Amino acid sequence: MQNTIHFISGLPRSGSTLLSAILRQNPRFRAAMSSPVGPIFNATLAAMGAENEFAVFLDQQQKRDILMGIFDGYYRDRSPDQVIFDTNRMWTSRLPALVELFPQARVICCVRDPAWVLDSVERLVRRNALDVSRIFNNASERATVFSRAEALGHRQRMIGYALSALQEAYYGEHAKRLLLVDYDLLSARPAETLGLIYGFLGEDPFKHDFDDVAYEAEEFDARLMAKGLHSVRSKVTHSPRRTILPPQLFRQFQGYRFWGPDRGAGAHQIVPDPDET
């Protein structure tokens, strides 16, 4: 794959779709909501592992070629000078493999106080009150805001998995390849934030239109029974609000935040000081 490729990862409901909608205004950039590349990548890694008795016939170069073939196949219609941004929350858990395949790649991690991530998901659930969301596995999980929070916070689920994967990369040996971008800063100061992102990527500046960045994935969201999950309003704005979560639940999820200035990691960060928020 000759094109430049970077990755968008991080936490759910933290601006990855918004960021993609902005980046895709640049004609050199290709970005969208989460692609199927990540799950296929994981499945292929497993198929080349110990569970496959014939995997012994694969050397390291063959494994690289097979994994690269996934990207080549999915992005086969790309133009030679296009910069690709592939989005998936799992990429932070595969950072060593990405470094092996794409030594120049960077990972933009969209973040937000976990309490507000939960608040955003809860608002989405209540806004679609007549639909039974596939975000949850059964009636027991859907029962109350507390059961929904417990399910989402599990290490293998929507919020808990993303937090665990991001923490692994944040404290790992490739942390300098990460750029954490806070949702509130992106929505409140988009021009300044995008300028810093371009600098991190080593790209020439581009004048974006922050009054026209609409993006939707209606069919995908409809399948999840979660209308609006990947909808972006046309104008980038920041609207402070009061949480709808019970206070004890909000405080619990606030405690899951681990990033910030002077937190002892090598990752680049466009985030506010937690003591000032």
C-alpha atoms as a PDB file:
ATOM      1  CA  MET A   1       0.000   0.000   0.000  1.00  0.00           C
ATOM      2  CA  GLN A   2       1.801   3.117  -1.245  1.00  0.00           C
ATOM      3  CA  ASN A   3      -0.602   5.728   0.120  1.00  0.00           C
ATOM      4  CA  THR A   4      -0.137   7.483   3.417  1.00  0.00           C
ATOM      5  CA  ILE A   5      -2.432   5.926   6.002  1.00  0.00           C
ATOM      6  CA  HIS A   6      -3.316   7.086   9.484  1.00  0.00           C
ATOM      7  CA  PHE A   7      -5.851   5.835  11.983  1.00  0.00           C
ATOM      8  CA  ILE A   8      -8.647   7.359  14.045  1.00  0.00           C
ATOM      9  CA  SER A   9      -9.453   5.611  17.300  1.00  0.00           C
ATOM     10  CA  GLY A  10     -10.218   6.450  20.932  1.00  0.00           C
ATOM     11  CA  LEU A  11     -13.522   6.546  22.809  1.00  0.00           C
ATOM     12  CA  PRO A  12     -17.086   6.307  21.484  1.00  0.00           C
ATOM     13  CA  ARG A  13     -19.258   9.444  21.355  1.00  0.00           C
ATOM     14  CA  SER A  14     -16.078  11.548  21.450  1.00  0.00           C
ATOM     15  CA  GLY A  15     -15.917  13.142  18.021  1.00  0.00           C
ATOM     16  CA  SER A  16     -14.413  10.554  15.659  1.00  0.00           C
ATOM     17  CA  THR A  17     -17.297  10.927  13.189  1.00  0.00           C
ATOM     18  CA  LEU A  18     -17.160  14.710  13.523  1.00  0.00           C
ATOM     19  CA  LEU A  19     -13.408  14.694  12.923  1.00  0.00           C
ATOM     20  CA  SER A  20     -13.810  12.455   9.866  1.00  0.00           C
ATOM     21  CA  ALA A  21     -16.538  14.729   8.487  1.00  0.00           C
ATOM     22  CA  ILE A  22     -14.179  17.685   8.801  1.00  0.00           C
ATOM     23  CA  LEU A  23     -11.093  15.923   7.402  1.00  0.00           C
ATOM     24  CA  ARG A  24     -12.932  14.639   4.329  1.00  0.00           C
ATOM     25  CA  GLN A  25     -13.425  18.232   3.173  1.00  0.00           C
ATOM     26  CA  ASN A  26      -9.771  18.138   2.178  1.00  0.00           C
ATOM     27  CA  PRO A  27      -9.724  16.566  -1.306  1.00  0.00           C
ATOM     28  CA  ARG A  28      -6.483  14.744  -0.450  1.00  0.00           C
ATOM     29  CA  PHE A  29      -8.042  13.043   2.564  1.00  0.00           C
ATOM     30  CA  ARG A  30     -10.319  10.011   2.747  1.00  0.00           C
ATOM     31  CA  ALA A  31     -12.098   9.574   6.072  1.00  0.00           C
ATOM     32  CA  ALA A  32     -15.418   8.170   7.297  1.00  0.00           C
ATOM     33  CA  MET A  33     -17.059   6.400  10.226  1.00  0.00           C
ATOM     34  CA  SER A  34     -15.694   3.059  11.473  1.00  0.00           C
ATOM     35  CA  SER A  35     -14.763   0.767   8.584  1.00  0.00           C
ATOM     36  CA  PRO A  36     -14.901  -3.054   8.449  1.00  0.00           C
ATOM     37  CA  VAL A  37     -11.118  -3.237   8.118  1.00  0.00           C
ATOM     38  CA  GLY A  38     -10.495  -3.549  11.869  1.00  0.00           C
ATOM     39  CA  PRO A  39     -12.685  -6.633  12.484  1.00  0.00           C
ATOM     40  CA  ILE A  40     -11.328  -8.313   9.341  1.00  0.00           C
ATOM     41  CA  PHE A  41      -7.786  -7.519  10.514  1.00  0.00           C
ATOM     42  CA  ASN A  42      -8.479  -9.140  13.905  1.00  0.00           C
ATOM     43  CA  ALA A  43     -10.088 -12.202  12.351  1.00  0.00           C
ATOM     44  CA  THR A  44      -7.157 -12.637   9.974  1.00  0.00           C
ATOM     45  CA  LEU A  45      -4.626 -12.388  12.789  1.00  0.00           C
ATOM     46  CA  ALA A  46      -6.514 -15.100  14.664  1.00  0.00           C
ATOM     47  CA  ALA A  47      -6.663 -17.271  11.540  1.00  0.00           C
ATOM     48  CA  MET A  48      -2.875 -17.049  11.210  1.00  0.00           C
ATOM     49  CA  GLY A  49      -2.335 -17.948  14.854  1.00  0.00           C
ATOM     50  CA  ALA A  50      -2.069 -21.053  17.010  1.00  0.00           C
ATOM     51  CA  GLU A  51      -5.712 -22.034  16.467  1.00  0.00           C
ATOM     52  CA  ASN A  52      -4.877 -22.792  12.844  1.00  0.00           C
ATOM     53  CA  GLU A  53      -2.626 -25.847  12.629  1.00  0.00           C
ATOM     54  CA  PHE A  54      -1.503 -24.838   9.125  1.00  0.00           C
ATOM     55  CA  ALA A  55      -0.304 -21.408  10.282  1.00  0.00           C
ATOM     56  CA  VAL A  56       3.129 -22.969  10.752  1.00  0.00           C
ATOM     57  CA  PHE A  57       3.588 -22.607   6.982  1.00  0.00           C
ATOM     58  CA  LEU A  58       3.344 -18.815   7.180  1.00  0.00           C
ATOM     59  CA  ASP A  59       6.497 -16.804   7.738  1.00  0.00           C
ATOM     60  CA  GLN A  60       6.510 -13.204   9.021  1.00  0.00           C
ATOM     61  CA  GLN A  61       6.689 -11.673   5.548  1.00  0.00           C
ATOM     62  CA  GLN A  62       3.706 -13.695   4.370  1.00  0.00           C
ATOM     63  CA  LYS A  63       1.729 -12.564   7.401  1.00  0.00           C
ATOM     64  CA  ARG A  64       2.595  -8.946   6.620  1.00  0.00           C
ATOM     65  CA  ASP A  65       1.568  -9.373   2.992  1.00  0.00           C
ATOM     66  CA  ILE A  66      -1.755 -10.958   3.931  1.00  0.00           C
ATOM     67  CA  LEU A  67      -2.578  -8.197   6.418  1.00  0.00           C
ATOM     68  CA  MET A  68      -1.520  -5.502   3.959  1.00  0.00           C
ATOM     69  CA  GLY A  69      -3.797  -7.148   1.425  1.00  0.00           C
ATOM     70  CA  ILE A  70      -6.789  -6.288   3.593  1.00  0.00           C
ATOM     71  CA  PHE A  71      -6.011  -2.578   3.310  1.00  0.00           C
ATOM     72  CA  ASP A  72      -5.133  -2.873  -0.383  1.00  0.00           C
ATOM     73  CA  GLY A  73      -8.421  -4.595  -1.113  1.00  0.00           C
ATOM     74  CA  TYR A  74     -10.657  -2.268   0.858  1.00  0.00           C
ATOM     75  CA  TYR A  75      -9.017   0.917  -0.412  1.00  0.00           C
ATOM     76  CA  ARG A  76      -8.353  -0.339  -3.946  1.00  0.00           C
ATOM     77  CA  ASP A  77     -10.150   2.644  -5.541  1.00  0.00           C
ATOM     78  CA  ARG A  78      -7.859   5.176  -3.858  1.00  0.00           C
ATOM     79  CA  SER A  79      -5.881   7.745  -5.802  1.00  0.00           C
ATOM     80  CA  PRO A  80      -2.070   7.507  -5.484  1.00  0.00           C
ATOM     81  CA  ASP A  81      -1.650  10.735  -3.502  1.00  0.00           C
ATOM     82  CA  GLN A  82      -4.614  10.181  -1.189  1.00  0.00           C
ATOM     83  CA  VAL A  83      -4.155  10.223   2.586  1.00  0.00           C
ATOM     84  CA  ILE A  84      -6.357   7.572   4.193  1.00  0.00           C
ATOM     85  CA  PHE A  85      -7.783   7.685   7.714  1.00  0.00           C
ATOM     86  CA  ASP A  86      -9.221   4.361   8.831  1.00  0.00           C
ATOM     87  CA  THR A  87     -11.435   4.547  11.893  1.00  0.00           C
ATOM     88  CA  ASN A  88     -11.971   1.897  14.546  1.00  0.00           C
ATOM     89  CA  ARG A  89     -11.811   1.870  18.352  1.00  0.00           C
ATOM     90  CA  MET A  90      -9.784  -1.354  18.261  1.00  0.00           C
ATOM     91  CA  TRP A  91      -6.739   0.182  16.561  1.00  0.00           C
ATOM     92  CA  THR A  92      -5.234   1.313  19.863  1.00  0.00           C
ATOM     93  CA  SER A  93      -5.120  -2.340  20.916  1.00  0.00           C
ATOM     94  CA  ARG A  94      -3.223  -3.239  17.726  1.00  0.00           C
ATOM     95  CA  LEU A  95      -0.625  -0.471  17.776  1.00  0.00           C
ATOM     96  CA  PRO A  96       2.454  -2.766  17.644  1.00  0.00           C
ATOM     97  CA  ALA A  97       1.053  -4.508  14.560  1.00  0.00           C
ATOM     98  CA  LEU A  98       0.235  -1.183  12.887  1.00  0.00           C
ATOM     99  CA  VAL A  99       3.798  -0.003  13.512  1.00  0.00           C
ATOM    100  CA  GLU A 100       5.107  -3.170  11.832  1.00  0.00           C
ATOM    101  CA  LEU A 101       2.960  -2.584   8.758  1.00  0.00           C
ATOM    102  CA  PHE A 102       2.921   1.219   8.549  1.00  0.00           C
ATOM    103  CA  PRO A 103       6.042   2.699  10.191  1.00  0.00           C
ATOM    104  CA  GLN A 104       4.971   6.275   9.395  1.00  0.00           C
ATOM    105  CA  ALA A 105       1.357   5.967  10.546  1.00  0.00           C
ATOM    106  CA  ARG A 106      -0.109   8.071  13.334  1.00  0.00           C
ATOM    107  CA  VAL A 107      -3.222   7.435  15.433  1.00  0.00           C
ATOM    108  CA  ILE A 108      -5.608  10.258  16.320  1.00  0.00           C
ATOM    109  CA  CYS A 109      -7.507   9.270  19.466  1.00  0.00           C
ATOM    110  CA  CYS A 110     -10.729  11.148  20.099  1.00  0.00           C
ATOM    111  CA  VAL A 111     -11.372  11.416  23.831  1.00  0.00           C
ATOM    112  CA  ARG A 112     -13.907  12.863  26.230  1.00  0.00           C
ATOM    113  CA  ASP A 113     -14.523  12.611  29.946  1.00  0.00           C
ATOM    114  CA  PRO A 114     -15.968   9.058  30.289  1.00  0.00           C
ATOM    115  CA  ALA A 115     -18.884  10.431  32.319  1.00  0.00           C
ATOM    116  CA  TRP A 116     -19.923  12.532  29.337  1.00  0.00           C
ATOM    117  CA  VAL A 117     -19.419   9.560  27.008  1.00  0.00           C
ATOM    118  CA  LEU A 118     -21.933   7.623  29.089  1.00  0.00           C
ATOM    119  CA  ASP A 119     -24.219  10.651  29.232  1.00  0.00           C
ATOM    120  CA  SER A 120     -24.142  10.880  25.428  1.00  0.00           C
ATOM    121  CA  VAL A 121     -25.008   7.195  24.966  1.00  0.00           C
ATOM    122  CA  GLU A 122     -27.810   7.472  27.520  1.00  0.00           C
ATOM    123  CA  ARG A 123     -29.263  10.473  25.696  1.00  0.00           C
ATOM    124  CA  LEU A 124     -29.186   8.499  22.446  1.00  0.00           C
ATOM    125  CA  VAL A 125     -31.023   5.577  24.076  1.00  0.00           C
ATOM    126  CA  ARG A 126     -33.713   7.858  25.505  1.00  0.00           C
ATOM    127  CA  ARG A 127     -34.077   9.756  22.232  1.00  0.00           C
ATOM    128  CA  ASN A 128     -34.919   6.427  20.561  1.00  0.00           C
ATOM    129  CA  ALA A 129     -37.238   5.332  23.360  1.00  0.00           C
ATOM    130  CA  LEU A 130     -39.526   3.307  21.081  1.00  0.00           C
ATOM    131  CA  ASP A 131     -36.660   1.244  19.670  1.00  0.00           C
ATOM    132  CA  VAL A 132     -34.893  -1.688  21.335  1.00  0.00           C
ATOM    133  CA  SER A 133     -31.237  -0.804  20.782  1.00  0.00           C
ATOM    134  CA  ARG A 134     -28.798  -3.524  19.747  1.00  0.00           C
ATOM    135  CA  ILE A 135     -26.142  -1.754  21.799  1.00  0.00           C
ATOM    136  CA  PHE A 136     -27.403  -3.925  24.669  1.00  0.00           C
ATOM    137  CA  ASN A 137     -27.666  -7.720  24.646  1.00  0.00           C
ATOM    138  CA  ASN A 138     -30.843  -8.344  26.609  1.00  0.00           C
ATOM    139  CA  ALA A 139     -33.696  -6.846  28.631  1.00  0.00           C
ATOM    140  CA  SER A 140     -31.703  -7.101  31.851  1.00  0.00           C
ATOM    141  CA  GLU A 141     -28.973  -4.862  30.471  1.00  0.00           C
ATOM    142  CA  ARG A 142     -31.517  -2.382  29.123  1.00  0.00           C
ATOM    143  CA  ALA A 143     -33.517  -2.224  32.356  1.00  0.00           C
ATOM    144  CA  THR A 144     -32.210   0.967  33.994  1.00  0.00           C
ATOM    145  CA  VAL A 145     -29.527   3.583  33.571  1.00  0.00           C
ATOM    146  CA  PHE A 146     -27.426   1.673  36.121  1.00  0.00           C
ATOM    147  CA  SER A 147     -27.656  -1.655  34.282  1.00  0.00           C
ATOM    148  CA  ARG A 148     -26.955   0.087  30.985  1.00  0.00           C
ATOM    149  CA  ALA A 149     -23.889   1.781  32.482  1.00  0.00           C
ATOM    150  CA  GLU A 150     -22.627  -1.487  33.960  1.00  0.00           C
ATOM    151  CA  ALA A 151     -22.970  -3.232  30.595  1.00  0.00           C
ATOM    152  CA  LEU A 152     -21.263  -0.463  28.627  1.00  0.00           C
ATOM    153  CA  GLY A 153     -18.435  -0.181  31.149  1.00  0.00           C
ATOM    154  CA  HIS A 154     -17.459  -3.861  30.954  1.00  0.00           C
ATOM    155  CA  ARG A 155     -13.963  -4.404  29.518  1.00  0.00           C
ATOM    156  CA  GLN A 156     -15.362  -6.145  26.442  1.00  0.00           C
ATOM    157  CA  ARG A 157     -18.088  -3.619  25.702  1.00  0.00           C
ATOM    158  CA  MET A 158     -18.574  -0.257  24.064  1.00  0.00           C
ATOM    159  CA  ILE A 159     -17.036   2.082  26.652  1.00  0.00           C
ATOM    160  CA  GLY A 160     -14.960  -0.295  28.771  1.00  0.00           C
ATOM    161  CA  TYR A 161     -13.176  -1.868  25.811  1.00  0.00           C
ATOM    162  CA  ALA A 162     -12.323   1.487  24.270  1.00  0.00           C
ATOM    163  CA  LEU A 163     -10.941   2.756  27.589  1.00  0.00           C
ATOM    164  CA  SER A 164      -8.824  -0.374  28.060  1.00  0.00           C
ATOM    165  CA  ALA A 165      -7.451  -0.294  24.504  1.00  0.00           C
ATOM    166  CA  LEU A 166      -6.636   3.410  24.711  1.00  0.00           C
ATOM    167  CA  GLN A 167      -4.916   2.985  28.080  1.00  0.00           C
ATOM    168  CA  GLU A 168      -2.791   0.157  26.648  1.00  0.00           C
ATOM    169  CA  ALA A 169      -1.563   2.392  23.823  1.00  0.00           C
ATOM    170  CA  TYR A 170      -1.250   5.510  25.992  1.00  0.00           C
ATOM    171  CA  TYR A 171       1.228   3.864  28.355  1.00  0.00           C
ATOM    172  CA  GLY A 172       2.835   1.633  25.734  1.00  0.00           C
ATOM    173  CA  GLU A 173       6.109   1.818  23.870  1.00  0.00           C
ATOM    174  CA  HIS A 174       4.549   3.507  20.822  1.00  0.00           C
ATOM    175  CA  ALA A 175       2.734   6.270  22.704  1.00  0.00           C
ATOM    176  CA  LYS A 176       4.473   9.014  20.720  1.00  0.00           C
ATOM    177  CA  ARG A 177       2.494   7.939  17.674  1.00  0.00           C
ATOM    178  CA  LEU A 178      -0.737   8.950  19.421  1.00  0.00           C
ATOM    179  CA  LEU A 179      -2.489  12.299  19.397  1.00  0.00           C
ATOM    180  CA  LEU A 180      -5.336  12.566  21.901  1.00  0.00           C
ATOM    181  CA  VAL A 181      -7.950  15.120  20.804  1.00  0.00           C
ATOM    182  CA  ASP A 182     -10.543  16.266  23.315  1.00  0.00           C
ATOM    183  CA  TYR A 183     -14.109  16.478  21.983  1.00  0.00           C
ATOM    184  CA  ASP A 184     -14.934  19.724  23.769  1.00  0.00           C
ATOM    185  CA  LEU A 185     -11.866  21.464  22.335  1.00  0.00           C
ATOM    186  CA  LEU A 186     -12.582  20.105  18.844  1.00  0.00           C
ATOM    187  CA  SER A 187     -16.178  21.365  18.946  1.00  0.00           C
ATOM    188  CA  ALA A 188     -15.417  24.690  20.658  1.00  0.00           C
ATOM    189  CA  ARG A 189     -12.201  25.614  18.801  1.00  0.00           C
ATOM    190  CA  PRO A 190     -12.214  23.562  15.588  1.00  0.00           C
ATOM    191  CA  ALA A 191      -9.878  25.745  13.515  1.00  0.00           C
ATOM    192  CA  GLU A 192      -7.169  25.798  16.174  1.00  0.00           C
ATOM    193  CA  THR A 193      -7.565  22.088  16.878  1.00  0.00           C
ATOM    194  CA  LEU A 194      -7.392  21.111  13.197  1.00  0.00           C
ATOM    195  CA  GLY A 195      -4.272  23.234  12.807  1.00  0.00           C
ATOM    196  CA  LEU A 196      -2.586  21.235  15.551  1.00  0.00           C
ATOM    197  CA  ILE A 197      -3.742  17.956  14.009  1.00  0.00           C
ATOM    198  CA  TYR A 198      -2.295  18.929  10.632  1.00  0.00           C
ATOM    199  CA  GLY A 199       0.975  19.824  12.340  1.00  0.00           C
ATOM    200  CA  PHE A 200       1.085  16.443  14.086  1.00  0.00           C
ATOM    201  CA  LEU A 201       0.535  14.685  10.755  1.00  0.00           C
ATOM    202  CA  GLY A 202       3.068  16.822   8.907  1.00  0.00           C
ATOM    203  CA  GLU A 203       0.424  17.971   6.412  1.00  0.00           C
ATOM    204  CA  ASP A 204       0.094  21.381   4.794  1.00  0.00           C
ATOM    205  CA  PRO A 205      -2.697  23.544   6.291  1.00  0.00           C
ATOM    206  CA  PHE A 206      -6.155  23.449   4.693  1.00  0.00           C
ATOM    207  CA  LYS A 207      -9.017  25.888   5.138  1.00  0.00           C
ATOM    208  CA  HIS A 208     -12.022  23.906   6.390  1.00  0.00           C
ATOM    209  CA  ASP A 209     -15.632  25.076   6.426  1.00  0.00           C
ATOM    210  CA  PHE A 210     -16.863  24.465   9.968  1.00  0.00           C
ATOM    211  CA  ASP A 211     -20.370  25.625   9.040  1.00  0.00           C
ATOM    212  CA  ASP A 212     -20.916  22.748   6.614  1.00  0.00           C
ATOM    213  CA  VAL A 213     -19.662  19.392   7.892  1.00  0.00           C
ATOM    214  CA  ALA A 214     -22.843  17.296   7.905  1.00  0.00           C
ATOM    215  CA  TYR A 215     -22.382  13.513   7.889  1.00  0.00           C
ATOM    216  CA  GLU A 216     -24.795  10.628   8.439  1.00  0.00           C
ATOM    217  CA  ALA A 217     -24.803   6.833   8.304  1.00  0.00           C
ATOM    218  CA  GLU A 218     -28.542   6.272   8.505  1.00  0.00           C
ATOM    219  CA  GLU A 219     -28.606   2.682   7.250  1.00  0.00           C
ATOM    220  CA  PHE A 220     -25.908   1.508   9.664  1.00  0.00           C
ATOM    221  CA  ASP A 221     -27.501   3.297  12.635  1.00  0.00           C
ATOM    222  CA  ALA A 222     -30.922   1.889  11.725  1.00  0.00           C
ATOM    223  CA  ARG A 223     -29.551  -1.659  11.892  1.00  0.00           C
ATOM    224  CA  LEU A 224     -28.356  -0.974  15.431  1.00  0.00           C
ATOM    225  CA  MET A 225     -31.721   0.582  16.294  1.00  0.00           C
ATOM    226  CA  ALA A 226     -29.718   3.632  17.372  1.00  0.00           C
ATOM    227  CA  LYS A 227     -30.780   6.462  15.097  1.00  0.00           C
ATOM    228  CA  GLY A 228     -28.359   9.370  15.209  1.00  0.00           C
ATOM    229  CA  LEU A 229     -25.380   7.345  16.434  1.00  0.00           C
ATOM    230  CA  HIS A 230     -23.230   8.629  13.568  1.00  0.00           C
ATOM    231  CA  SER A 231     -24.986  11.889  12.723  1.00  0.00           C
ATOM    232  CA  VAL A 232     -23.058  15.154  12.601  1.00  0.00           C
ATOM    233  CA  ARG A 233     -24.764  18.536  12.601  1.00  0.00           C
ATOM    234  CA  SER A 234     -23.894  20.884   9.756  1.00  0.00           C
ATOM    235  CA  LYS A 235     -22.240  23.500  11.980  1.00  0.00           C
ATOM    236  CA  VAL A 236     -19.505  22.684  14.473  1.00  0.00           C
ATOM    237  CA  THR A 237     -20.651  24.094  17.800  1.00  0.00           C
ATOM    238  CA  HIS A 238     -20.037  23.482  21.474  1.00  0.00           C
ATOM    239  CA  SER A 239     -23.136  23.424  23.677  1.00  0.00           C
ATOM    240  CA  PRO A 240     -22.553  22.974  27.435  1.00  0.00           C
ATOM    241  CA  ARG A 241     -25.362  21.082  29.142  1.00  0.00           C
ATOM    242  CA  ARG A 242     -26.463  19.500  32.369  1.00  0.00           C
ATOM    243  CA  THR A 243     -25.960  15.754  32.696  1.00  0.00           C
ATOM    244  CA  ILE A 244     -28.942  13.426  32.799  1.00  0.00           C
ATOM    245  CA  LEU A 245     -27.014  10.806  34.787  1.00  0.00           C
ATOM    246  CA  PRO A 246     -27.536  10.210  38.515  1.00  0.00           C
ATOM    247  CA  PRO A 247     -24.732  11.995  40.434  1.00  0.00           C
ATOM    248  CA  GLN A 248     -23.112   8.827  41.800  1.00  0.00           C
ATOM    249  CA  LEU A 249     -22.961   7.289  38.316  1.00  0.00           C
ATOM    250  CA  PHE A 250     -21.502  10.450  36.818  1.00  0.00           C
ATOM    251  CA  ARG A 251     -18.791  10.580  39.498  1.00  0.00           C
ATOM    252  CA  GLN A 252     -18.008   6.886  39.005  1.00  0.00           C
ATOM    253  CA  PHE A 253     -17.322   7.307  35.293  1.00  0.00           C
ATOM    254  CA  GLN A 254     -15.403  10.541  35.817  1.00  0.00           C
ATOM    255  CA  GLY A 255     -12.939   8.447  37.782  1.00  0.00           C
ATOM    256  CA  TYR A 256     -12.108   6.399  34.679  1.00  0.00           C
ATOM    257  CA  ARG A 257     -10.252   9.284  33.024  1.00  0.00           C
ATOM    258  CA  PHE A 258      -6.511   8.600  33.011  1.00  0.00           C
ATOM    259  CA  TRP A 259      -5.068  11.026  30.425  1.00  0.00           C
ATOM    260  CA  GLY A 260      -4.120  14.671  30.649  1.00  0.00           C
ATOM    261  CA  PRO A 261      -1.098  16.974  30.818  1.00  0.00           C
ATOM    262  CA  ASP A 262       1.778  15.717  32.956  1.00  0.00           C
ATOM    263  CA  ARG A 263       0.320  12.221  33.298  1.00  0.00           C
ATOM    264  CA  GLY A 264       3.672  10.583  32.608  1.00  0.00           C
ATOM    265  CA  ALA A 265       2.970   9.237  29.116  1.00  0.00           C
ATOM    266  CA  GLY A 266       4.626  10.062  25.806  1.00  0.00           C
ATOM    267  CA  ALA A 267       1.442  10.649  23.828  1.00  0.00           C
ATOM    268  CA  HIS A 268       0.764  14.002  22.194  1.00  0.00           C
ATOM    269  CA  GLN A 269      -2.388  15.618  23.539  1.00  0.00           C
ATOM    270  CA  ILE A 270      -4.847  18.369  22.654  1.00  0.00           C
ATOM    271  CA  VAL A 271      -6.763  18.170  25.908  1.00  0.00           C
ATOM    272  CA  PRO A 272      -7.679  20.499  28.781  1.00  0.00           C
ATOM    273  CA  ASP A 273      -6.176  20.143  32.214  1.00  0.00           C
ATOM    274  CA  PRO A 274      -8.703  18.046  34.212  1.00  0.00           C
ATOM    275  CA  ASP A 275      -8.250  20.398  37.168  1.00  0.00           C
ATOM    276  CA  GLU A 276      -9.579  23.251  35.032  1.00  0.00           C
ATOM    277  CA  THR A 277     -12.674  21.461  33.734  1.00  0.00           C
END
